[in-house]
Amino acid sequence: MIGIIMFVVALAMLMFGFPVAFTFGGVALVFGLIAEGADLFAFMPFRIMSIMQNTVLMAIPLFIFMGVVLQKTKLAKQLLESMGRLFGTMPGGLAISTVFVGAMLAASTGVVGASVVAMGLISLPVMMQYGYDKKLSCGTICASGTLGQIIPPSIVLIILGDVIGIPVGDLFRAAVIPGLVLVGFYTIYILTISRLKPELAPAMPKTGSDRGKEIRQALLAILPPMALIMVVLGSIFAGIATPTESSALGGVGAILLALLYGQFSWRMVWESSKDTVIVTAMVFAILLGATAFSMTFSYSGGDAIVEEWMLALPGEKWGFIILSMLFILVLGFFIDFVEISFIIVPILAPVAEALGINMVWFAILIAMNLQTSFLTPPFGFSLFYLKGVAPRGVQTIDIYRGVLPFIAIQMLVVITIILFPGLFGM
């Protein structure tokens, strides 16, 4: 039972706010010494070397760099302004434009924090200025900003592909339809609520400006990031490049867009590189701690106990799917997707394989579920990102209430993927 006890201790420490990497590493060290002695950790250098030689994980810093560079090109501002002019004159138009921009930022940057902050700074004051309901505005921004968790190129899909042992390109292809369905459901919800209660999302007054000119300006803002999306994802889907190679193309493409928008400078490159190193170091520090934790957990017999227990669940495959999804959903209220990916998923994946579950389908379900963790109170990261940049008058409770309908939509899509995988090409 040592493995089960160390798992509970690690979760408790994370919920009390201890640093993730040190929690995993420290718990692994203490319980490893108890279970097997110091000789257990003689294998750690080989595991660390295996991680460092993993070419799939090279895509993580490259995609992060691409996202940070695009954040500094003011891409979000130009997209939001253009979309706002196109859709703002219809009820709910500003919220719909925020959803579309969130989807484009997800497909071109994949950085959730940057998307939420950018749209919070640019879109939220405009929506409030035109009389939008605070809860609807906050919920739309948080939900749209988290689309980067499921729409490729997504960091969580790269991590899941490595942890489960699935080609990342297969996950990228499988995630496109669920991501677009989510965008469609968000749009339908906004259109419905703005039709039923127009006072929550009033239309912007028409300016009388040239409509053709507005459309041309919108296309000029949309086409460059769309071209980057086509290069990055198209090269993967066409089999021309691996995800790692396409992430390098994305980095080069981001620099070219910075030149196009007149935002390029060596200072920008330096700051983007520094931000990339900080985020990458955090991810890999967690990965090293999680590697030590999973090794100790396995050698103590914890994985065998969990596998035996889950294989004995009533309903077999469906009992396991329901329990694992509920478990990940609840954990997402308290801990981040990185910890869940590195600690929980390696425990669940062997059971899923033993039950004959399609692992691509299982990975997409996990990714959709992990996306929800960014929105769920009390520790959803998107909620904190938005609160940090929200204007005065927007309270935390407004953000919490605003995301509830979007959490329900995400759960609806997850349930639909579970029941009708064929509709999503799985």
Protein backbone atom coordinates (compact mmCIF):
# COMPACT_ATOMS: atom_id res chain seq x y z
CA MET A 1 0.00 0.00 0.00
CA ILE A 2 3.06 2.31 0.00
CA GLY A 3 2.32 3.45 -3.56
CA ILE A 4 -1.27 4.39 -2.71
CA ILE A 5 -0.17 6.28 0.41
CA MET A 6 2.49 8.26 -1.51
CA PHE A 7 -0.12 9.14 -4.16
CA VAL A 8 -2.48 10.53 -1.52
CA VAL A 9 0.37 12.42 0.21
CA ALA A 10 1.45 14.00 -3.12
CA LEU A 11 -2.10 15.14 -3.93
CA ALA A 12 -2.51 16.60 -0.44
CA MET A 13 0.75 18.56 -0.74
CA LEU A 14 -0.25 19.91 -4.16
CA MET A 15 -3.59 21.09 -2.81
CA PHE A 16 -1.77 22.92 -0.01
CA GLY A 17 0.24 24.78 -2.64
CA PHE A 18 3.67 23.13 -2.49
CA PRO A 19 5.74 23.50 -5.71
CA VAL A 20 4.80 20.72 -8.11
CA ALA A 21 8.23 19.46 -9.23
CA PHE A 22 9.64 19.43 -5.69
CA THR A 23 6.51 17.74 -4.35
CA PHE A 24 6.78 14.86 -6.81
CA GLY A 25 10.54 14.54 -6.41
CA GLY A 26 10.48 14.86 -2.61
CA VAL A 27 7.64 12.38 -2.10
CA ALA A 28 9.34 9.93 -4.47
CA LEU A 29 12.62 10.22 -2.57
CA VAL A 30 11.07 9.62 0.87
CA PHE A 31 8.82 6.73 -0.13
CA GLY A 32 11.44 5.25 -2.46
CA LEU A 33 13.90 4.99 0.43
CA ILE A 34 11.19 3.35 2.54
CA ALA A 35 10.12 0.90 -0.17
CA GLU A 36 13.35 -0.10 -1.93
CA GLY A 37 16.28 1.81 -0.44
CA ALA A 38 18.78 4.11 -2.14
CA ASP A 39 19.59 1.58 -4.88
CA LEU A 40 16.22 2.37 -6.52
CA PHE A 41 17.46 5.77 -7.65
CA ALA A 42 20.44 4.33 -9.51
CA PHE A 43 18.06 4.11 -12.50
CA MET A 44 17.22 7.84 -12.47
CA PRO A 45 20.16 9.02 -14.66
CA PHE A 46 19.04 6.62 -17.41
CA ARG A 47 15.46 7.89 -17.20
CA ILE A 48 16.61 11.52 -17.32
CA MET A 49 18.82 10.79 -20.34
CA SER A 50 15.87 9.13 -22.08
CA ILE A 51 13.76 12.26 -21.52
CA MET A 52 16.50 14.56 -22.79
CA GLN A 53 16.91 12.46 -25.97
CA ASN A 54 13.17 12.42 -26.72
CA THR A 55 12.73 14.32 -29.99
CA VAL A 56 8.94 14.55 -29.57
CA LEU A 57 9.38 16.74 -26.48
CA MET A 58 11.53 19.15 -28.51
CA ALA A 59 8.28 20.44 -30.01
CA ILE A 60 7.23 21.89 -26.64
CA PRO A 61 9.79 24.76 -26.42
CA LEU A 62 9.48 25.46 -30.15
CA PHE A 63 5.69 25.80 -30.04
CA ILE A 64 5.96 27.89 -26.86
CA PHE A 65 8.44 30.18 -28.64
CA MET A 66 6.07 30.51 -31.59
CA GLY A 67 3.23 31.47 -29.26
CA VAL A 68 5.24 34.00 -27.29
CA VAL A 69 6.53 35.71 -30.45
CA LEU A 70 2.99 35.97 -31.85
CA GLN A 71 1.79 37.37 -28.54
CA LYS A 72 4.33 40.17 -28.87
CA THR A 73 3.31 40.97 -32.48
CA LYS A 74 -0.07 42.27 -31.21
CA LEU A 75 -1.75 39.63 -33.36
CA ALA A 76 -4.66 39.28 -30.91
CA LYS A 77 -5.37 43.01 -30.97
CA GLN A 78 -5.55 43.17 -34.77
CA LEU A 79 -7.73 40.06 -34.98
CA LEU A 80 -10.15 41.26 -32.30
CA GLU A 81 -10.49 44.71 -33.84
CA SER A 82 -11.14 43.25 -37.30
CA MET A 83 -13.60 40.61 -36.10
CA GLY A 84 -15.35 43.17 -33.92
CA ARG A 85 -16.02 45.37 -36.96
CA LEU A 86 -17.35 42.37 -38.91
CA PHE A 87 -19.68 40.88 -36.30
CA GLY A 88 -20.20 43.64 -33.75
CA THR A 89 -23.32 45.08 -35.37
CA MET A 90 -25.33 41.90 -34.66
CA PRO A 91 -26.59 40.92 -31.16
CA GLY A 92 -23.85 38.95 -29.45
CA GLY A 93 -21.46 39.85 -32.27
CA LEU A 94 -18.60 40.98 -30.04
CA ALA A 95 -18.79 37.74 -28.03
CA ILE A 96 -18.88 35.65 -31.22
CA SER A 97 -15.87 37.50 -32.61
CA THR A 98 -14.06 36.75 -29.32
CA VAL A 99 -14.77 33.01 -29.78
CA PHE A 100 -13.47 33.06 -33.37
CA VAL A 101 -10.34 34.96 -32.38
CA GLY A 102 -9.80 32.53 -29.48
CA ALA A 103 -9.94 29.64 -31.96
CA MET A 104 -7.45 31.34 -34.29
CA LEU A 105 -5.08 32.18 -31.44
CA ALA A 106 -5.35 28.56 -30.27
CA ALA A 107 -4.39 27.27 -33.72
CA SER A 108 -1.57 29.77 -34.15
CA THR A 109 -0.12 30.11 -30.64
CA GLY A 110 -1.56 27.43 -28.34
CA VAL A 111 -0.64 29.49 -25.25
CA VAL A 112 -3.72 29.67 -23.01
CA GLY A 113 -2.46 32.35 -20.61
CA ALA A 114 -1.43 34.69 -23.42
CA SER A 115 -4.80 34.29 -25.19
CA VAL A 116 -6.89 34.96 -22.07
CA VAL A 117 -4.79 37.96 -21.02
CA ALA A 118 -4.80 39.48 -24.53
CA MET A 119 -8.56 39.15 -24.94
CA GLY A 120 -9.16 40.29 -21.36
CA LEU A 121 -7.17 43.47 -22.00
CA ILE A 122 -8.65 44.20 -25.43
CA SER A 123 -12.10 42.65 -25.70
CA LEU A 124 -13.51 42.85 -22.16
CA PRO A 125 -13.45 46.68 -21.86
CA VAL A 126 -15.09 47.00 -25.29
CA MET A 127 -17.88 44.54 -24.43
CA MET A 128 -18.52 46.33 -21.14
CA GLN A 129 -18.52 49.69 -22.94
CA TYR A 130 -21.34 48.51 -25.22
CA GLY A 131 -23.44 47.15 -22.34
CA TYR A 132 -22.58 43.45 -22.42
CA ASP A 133 -23.38 41.43 -19.30
CA LYS A 134 -20.22 41.03 -17.21
CA LYS A 135 -20.78 37.33 -16.59
CA LEU A 136 -21.32 36.53 -20.27
CA SER A 137 -18.27 38.60 -21.27
CA CYS A 138 -15.98 36.95 -18.71
CA GLY A 139 -17.21 33.45 -19.50
CA THR A 140 -16.75 33.95 -23.23
CA ILE A 141 -13.17 35.20 -22.83
CA CYS A 142 -12.13 32.42 -20.43
CA ALA A 143 -13.69 29.67 -22.54
CA SER A 144 -12.30 31.03 -25.82
CA GLY A 145 -8.83 31.44 -24.34
CA THR A 146 -8.69 27.79 -23.26
CA LEU A 147 -9.34 26.46 -26.77
CA GLY A 148 -5.55 26.22 -27.08
CA GLN A 149 -5.76 23.11 -24.90
CA ILE A 150 -7.55 21.07 -27.57
CA ILE A 151 -7.05 22.82 -30.93
CA PRO A 152 -3.65 21.85 -32.42
CA PRO A 153 -0.83 22.67 -31.98
CA SER A 154 -1.62 21.98 -28.33
CA ILE A 155 1.07 21.44 -25.70
CA VAL A 156 -1.20 19.06 -23.78
CA LEU A 157 -1.59 16.86 -26.89
CA ILE A 158 2.18 16.69 -27.27
CA ILE A 159 2.57 15.66 -23.62
CA LEU A 160 -0.25 13.09 -23.86
CA GLY A 161 1.20 11.65 -27.06
CA ASP A 162 4.55 11.12 -25.36
CA VAL A 163 3.08 9.77 -22.10
CA ILE A 164 0.64 7.33 -23.76
CA GLY A 165 2.93 6.46 -26.67
CA ILE A 166 0.76 7.73 -29.55
CA PRO A 167 2.09 9.65 -32.58
CA VAL A 168 1.41 13.33 -31.92
CA GLY A 169 0.31 13.84 -35.51
CA ASP A 170 -2.52 11.32 -34.98
CA LEU A 171 -3.67 13.26 -31.91
CA PHE A 172 -3.51 16.57 -33.79
CA ARG A 173 -5.70 15.15 -36.58
CA ALA A 174 -8.17 13.63 -34.11
CA ALA A 175 -8.46 16.88 -32.11
CA VAL A 176 -9.48 19.14 -35.01
CA ILE A 177 -13.15 18.10 -35.20
CA PRO A 178 -13.78 18.18 -31.39
CA GLY A 179 -12.15 21.62 -31.25
CA LEU A 180 -14.33 22.97 -34.08
CA VAL A 181 -17.45 21.41 -32.53
CA LEU A 182 -16.64 23.21 -29.28
CA VAL A 183 -16.31 26.52 -31.16
CA GLY A 184 -19.66 25.82 -32.82
CA PHE A 185 -21.39 25.05 -29.51
CA TYR A 186 -20.00 28.24 -27.95
CA THR A 187 -21.30 30.25 -30.91
CA ILE A 188 -24.75 28.63 -30.76
CA TYR A 189 -24.99 29.34 -27.03
CA ILE A 190 -24.09 33.03 -27.52
CA LEU A 191 -26.51 33.41 -30.45
CA THR A 192 -29.29 31.76 -28.43
CA ILE A 193 -28.83 33.80 -25.27
CA SER A 194 -28.45 37.06 -27.21
CA ARG A 195 -31.72 36.27 -29.04
CA LEU A 196 -33.60 35.34 -25.84
CA LYS A 197 -32.13 38.17 -23.76
CA PRO A 198 -30.89 40.92 -26.10
CA GLU A 199 -30.01 43.16 -23.16
CA LEU A 200 -27.16 40.77 -22.20
CA ALA A 201 -25.35 41.20 -25.54
CA PRO A 202 -26.59 44.25 -27.46
CA ALA A 203 -25.44 45.03 -30.98
CA MET A 204 -22.91 47.80 -31.58
CA PRO A 205 -24.35 50.85 -33.37
CA LYS A 206 -23.58 50.96 -37.09
CA THR A 207 -20.88 53.49 -37.98
CA GLY A 208 -21.86 54.01 -41.62
CA SER A 209 -18.31 53.25 -42.78
CA ASP A 210 -17.53 51.38 -46.01
CA ARG A 211 -18.47 47.71 -45.42
CA GLY A 212 -16.23 46.49 -48.23
CA LYS A 213 -13.25 48.27 -46.71
CA GLU A 214 -13.95 46.69 -43.31
CA ILE A 215 -14.05 43.22 -44.87
CA ARG A 216 -10.74 43.85 -46.70
CA GLN A 217 -9.08 45.03 -43.49
CA ALA A 218 -10.39 41.97 -41.65
CA LEU A 219 -9.01 39.66 -44.32
CA LEU A 220 -5.62 41.37 -44.16
CA ALA A 221 -5.56 40.73 -40.40
CA ILE A 222 -6.78 37.13 -40.71
CA LEU A 223 -4.79 35.81 -43.69
CA PRO A 224 -1.22 35.96 -42.23
CA PRO A 225 -2.02 33.89 -39.10
CA MET A 226 -4.15 31.56 -41.25
CA ALA A 227 -1.14 31.03 -43.52
CA LEU A 228 0.97 30.15 -40.47
CA ILE A 229 -1.70 27.68 -39.29
CA MET A 230 -1.73 26.05 -42.74
CA VAL A 231 2.06 25.74 -42.77
CA VAL A 232 2.29 24.25 -39.28
CA LEU A 233 -0.72 21.92 -39.27
CA GLY A 234 -0.80 21.30 -43.03
CA SER A 235 2.79 20.04 -43.02
CA ILE A 236 1.87 17.55 -40.27
CA PHE A 237 -1.42 16.35 -41.78
CA ALA A 238 0.14 16.00 -45.25
CA GLY A 239 2.96 13.88 -43.82
CA ILE A 240 5.61 16.34 -45.00
CA ALA A 241 6.93 17.13 -41.51
CA THR A 242 6.82 15.64 -38.03
CA PRO A 243 5.30 17.73 -35.22
CA THR A 244 8.82 18.57 -34.05
CA GLU A 245 9.85 19.74 -37.53
CA SER A 246 6.61 21.69 -37.98
CA SER A 247 7.17 23.42 -34.62
CA ALA A 248 10.48 24.71 -36.01
CA LEU A 249 8.59 25.95 -39.09
CA GLY A 250 6.14 27.64 -36.73
CA GLY A 251 8.96 29.45 -34.94
CA VAL A 252 10.35 30.75 -38.23
CA GLY A 253 6.84 31.69 -39.39
CA ALA A 254 6.23 33.65 -36.17
CA ILE A 255 9.41 35.65 -36.77
CA LEU A 256 8.28 36.37 -40.34
CA LEU A 257 4.89 37.58 -39.05
CA ALA A 258 6.71 39.83 -36.57
CA LEU A 259 8.59 41.35 -39.52
CA LEU A 260 5.33 41.68 -41.49
CA TYR A 261 3.58 43.50 -38.64
CA GLY A 262 6.61 45.74 -38.03
CA GLN A 263 7.09 44.33 -34.52
CA PHE A 264 10.44 42.61 -35.03
CA SER A 265 13.41 43.59 -32.90
CA TRP A 266 16.29 41.69 -31.35
CA ARG A 267 14.97 42.72 -27.95
CA MET A 268 11.68 41.02 -28.79
CA VAL A 269 13.55 37.85 -29.81
CA TRP A 270 15.56 37.95 -26.56
CA GLU A 271 12.44 38.42 -24.38
CA SER A 272 10.56 35.70 -26.27
CA SER A 273 13.48 33.31 -25.85
CA LYS A 274 13.73 34.09 -22.14
CA ASP A 275 9.98 33.53 -21.61
CA THR A 276 10.24 30.27 -23.56
CA VAL A 277 13.08 29.02 -21.35
CA ILE A 278 11.11 29.86 -18.18
CA VAL A 279 7.99 27.96 -19.28
CA THR A 280 9.98 25.04 -20.73
CA ALA A 281 12.07 24.73 -17.57
CA MET A 282 8.87 24.54 -15.51
CA VAL A 283 7.42 21.78 -17.71
CA PHE A 284 10.61 19.71 -17.71
CA ALA A 285 11.21 20.18 -13.98
CA ILE A 286 7.72 18.77 -13.40
CA LEU A 287 8.50 15.96 -15.86
CA LEU A 288 11.67 14.97 -13.97
CA GLY A 289 9.86 15.02 -10.63
CA ALA A 290 6.99 13.03 -12.14
CA THR A 291 9.45 10.50 -13.58
CA ALA A 292 10.92 9.88 -10.12
CA PHE A 293 7.41 9.64 -8.68
CA SER A 294 6.14 7.15 -11.29
CA MET A 295 9.27 5.02 -10.90
CA THR A 296 8.80 4.78 -7.13
CA PHE A 297 5.07 4.24 -7.54
CA SER A 298 5.70 1.32 -9.93
CA TYR A 299 8.43 -0.34 -7.87
CA SER A 300 6.27 -0.13 -4.74
CA GLY A 301 3.49 -2.02 -6.54
CA GLY A 302 1.03 0.87 -6.62
CA ASP A 303 0.36 0.60 -10.36
CA ALA A 304 -0.49 -3.11 -10.04
CA ILE A 305 -3.01 -2.38 -7.27
CA VAL A 306 -4.68 0.41 -9.30
CA GLU A 307 -4.79 -1.73 -12.47
CA GLU A 308 -6.27 -4.72 -10.61
CA TRP A 309 -8.90 -2.51 -8.96
CA MET A 310 -9.91 -0.72 -12.17
CA LEU A 311 -10.12 -3.92 -14.20
CA ALA A 312 -12.56 -5.22 -11.60
CA LEU A 313 -14.91 -2.25 -11.95
CA PRO A 314 -18.53 -3.00 -12.91
CA GLY A 315 -19.25 -2.24 -16.54
CA GLU A 316 -15.63 -3.01 -17.52
CA LYS A 317 -14.74 -0.56 -20.33
CA TRP A 318 -17.58 1.89 -19.66
CA GLY A 319 -17.16 1.74 -15.90
CA PHE A 320 -13.48 2.56 -16.34
CA ILE A 321 -14.15 5.42 -18.79
CA ILE A 322 -16.78 7.02 -16.55
CA LEU A 323 -14.70 6.71 -13.37
CA SER A 324 -11.45 7.93 -14.97
CA MET A 325 -13.15 10.94 -16.58
CA LEU A 326 -14.85 11.88 -13.30
CA PHE A 327 -11.55 11.46 -11.46
CA ILE A 328 -9.66 13.71 -13.89
CA LEU A 329 -12.50 16.27 -13.80
CA VAL A 330 -12.41 16.47 -9.99
CA LEU A 331 -8.61 16.67 -9.88
CA GLY A 332 -8.79 19.49 -12.43
CA PHE A 333 -10.55 21.63 -9.82
CA PHE A 334 -7.36 21.62 -7.75
CA ILE A 335 -4.25 20.81 -9.81
CA ASP A 336 -2.87 21.71 -13.25
CA PHE A 337 -3.04 19.72 -16.49
CA VAL A 338 0.73 19.11 -16.47
CA GLU A 339 0.62 17.25 -13.15
CA ILE A 340 -2.41 15.22 -14.24
CA SER A 341 -0.73 14.33 -17.56
CA PHE A 342 2.51 13.17 -15.98
CA ILE A 343 1.12 11.40 -12.90
CA ILE A 344 -2.48 10.25 -13.47
CA VAL A 345 -2.39 9.40 -17.17
CA PRO A 346 0.52 6.88 -16.92
CA ILE A 347 -1.52 5.03 -14.28
CA LEU A 348 -4.70 4.97 -16.40
CA ALA A 349 -3.15 4.25 -19.82
CA PRO A 350 -2.13 0.58 -19.18
CA VAL A 351 -5.64 -0.18 -17.89
CA ALA A 352 -7.19 1.40 -20.99
CA GLU A 353 -4.92 -0.70 -23.23
CA ALA A 354 -5.77 -3.86 -21.28
CA LEU A 355 -9.48 -3.13 -21.84
CA GLY A 356 -8.94 -2.73 -25.59
CA ILE A 357 -9.85 0.97 -25.65
CA ASN A 358 -8.89 3.07 -28.69
CA MET A 359 -6.00 5.07 -27.23
CA VAL A 360 -6.38 8.06 -29.59
CA TRP A 361 -10.03 8.35 -28.52
CA PHE A 362 -9.02 7.98 -24.87
CA ALA A 363 -6.34 10.69 -25.22
CA ILE A 364 -8.81 13.13 -26.81
CA LEU A 365 -11.27 12.53 -23.96
CA ILE A 366 -8.52 13.30 -21.46
CA ALA A 367 -7.47 16.44 -23.38
CA MET A 368 -11.06 17.72 -23.47
CA ASN A 369 -11.38 17.01 -19.77
CA LEU A 370 -8.09 18.75 -18.98
CA GLN A 371 -9.31 21.80 -20.90
CA THR A 372 -12.20 22.01 -18.46
CA SER A 373 -9.69 22.19 -15.58
CA PHE A 374 -8.69 25.66 -16.80
CA LEU A 375 -12.24 26.90 -16.17
CA THR A 376 -13.35 25.10 -13.02
CA PRO A 377 -13.37 27.11 -9.78
CA PRO A 378 -11.69 27.55 -7.39
CA PHE A 379 -8.26 27.11 -9.07
CA GLY A 380 -8.95 27.35 -12.81
CA PHE A 381 -5.96 29.15 -14.27
CA SER A 382 -7.97 31.03 -16.91
CA LEU A 383 -10.07 32.55 -14.13
CA PHE A 384 -6.94 33.91 -12.46
CA TYR A 385 -5.49 35.18 -15.75
CA LEU A 386 -8.66 37.15 -16.50
CA LYS A 387 -9.07 38.48 -12.97
CA GLY A 388 -5.52 39.82 -13.13
CA VAL A 389 -6.30 42.07 -16.12
CA ALA A 390 -10.06 42.70 -15.68
CA PRO A 391 -11.25 46.33 -15.26
CA ARG A 392 -12.54 47.57 -11.94
CA GLY A 393 -16.08 46.48 -11.31
CA VAL A 394 -15.50 42.90 -12.50
CA GLN A 395 -15.55 40.71 -9.42
CA THR A 396 -14.30 37.15 -9.04
CA ILE A 397 -17.87 35.91 -8.60
CA ASP A 398 -18.77 37.39 -12.01
CA ILE A 399 -16.03 35.31 -13.62
CA TYR A 400 -17.03 32.15 -11.71
CA ARG A 401 -20.68 32.48 -12.70
CA GLY A 402 -19.80 33.39 -16.28
CA VAL A 403 -17.82 30.20 -16.96
CA LEU A 404 -20.49 27.80 -15.64
CA PRO A 405 -22.49 27.57 -18.94
CA PHE A 406 -19.26 27.00 -20.87
CA ILE A 407 -18.17 24.25 -18.46
CA ALA A 408 -21.57 22.62 -19.09
CA ILE A 409 -20.99 22.90 -22.86
CA GLN A 410 -17.58 21.27 -22.55
CA MET A 411 -19.06 18.43 -20.50
CA LEU A 412 -21.78 17.99 -23.13
CA VAL A 413 -19.14 17.69 -25.87
CA VAL A 414 -17.12 15.19 -23.79
CA ILE A 415 -20.23 13.06 -23.25
CA THR A 416 -21.01 13.25 -26.99
CA ILE A 417 -17.48 12.07 -27.85
CA ILE A 418 -17.88 9.18 -25.38
CA LEU A 419 -21.25 8.07 -26.78
CA PHE A 420 -20.73 8.82 -30.49
CA PRO A 421 -17.00 8.64 -31.31
CA GLY A 422 -17.78 7.96 -34.96
CA LEU A 423 -19.20 11.46 -35.36
CA PHE A 424 -15.74 12.81 -34.53
CA GLY A 425 -13.85 10.47 -36.85
CA MET A 426 -12.67 8.14 -34.06
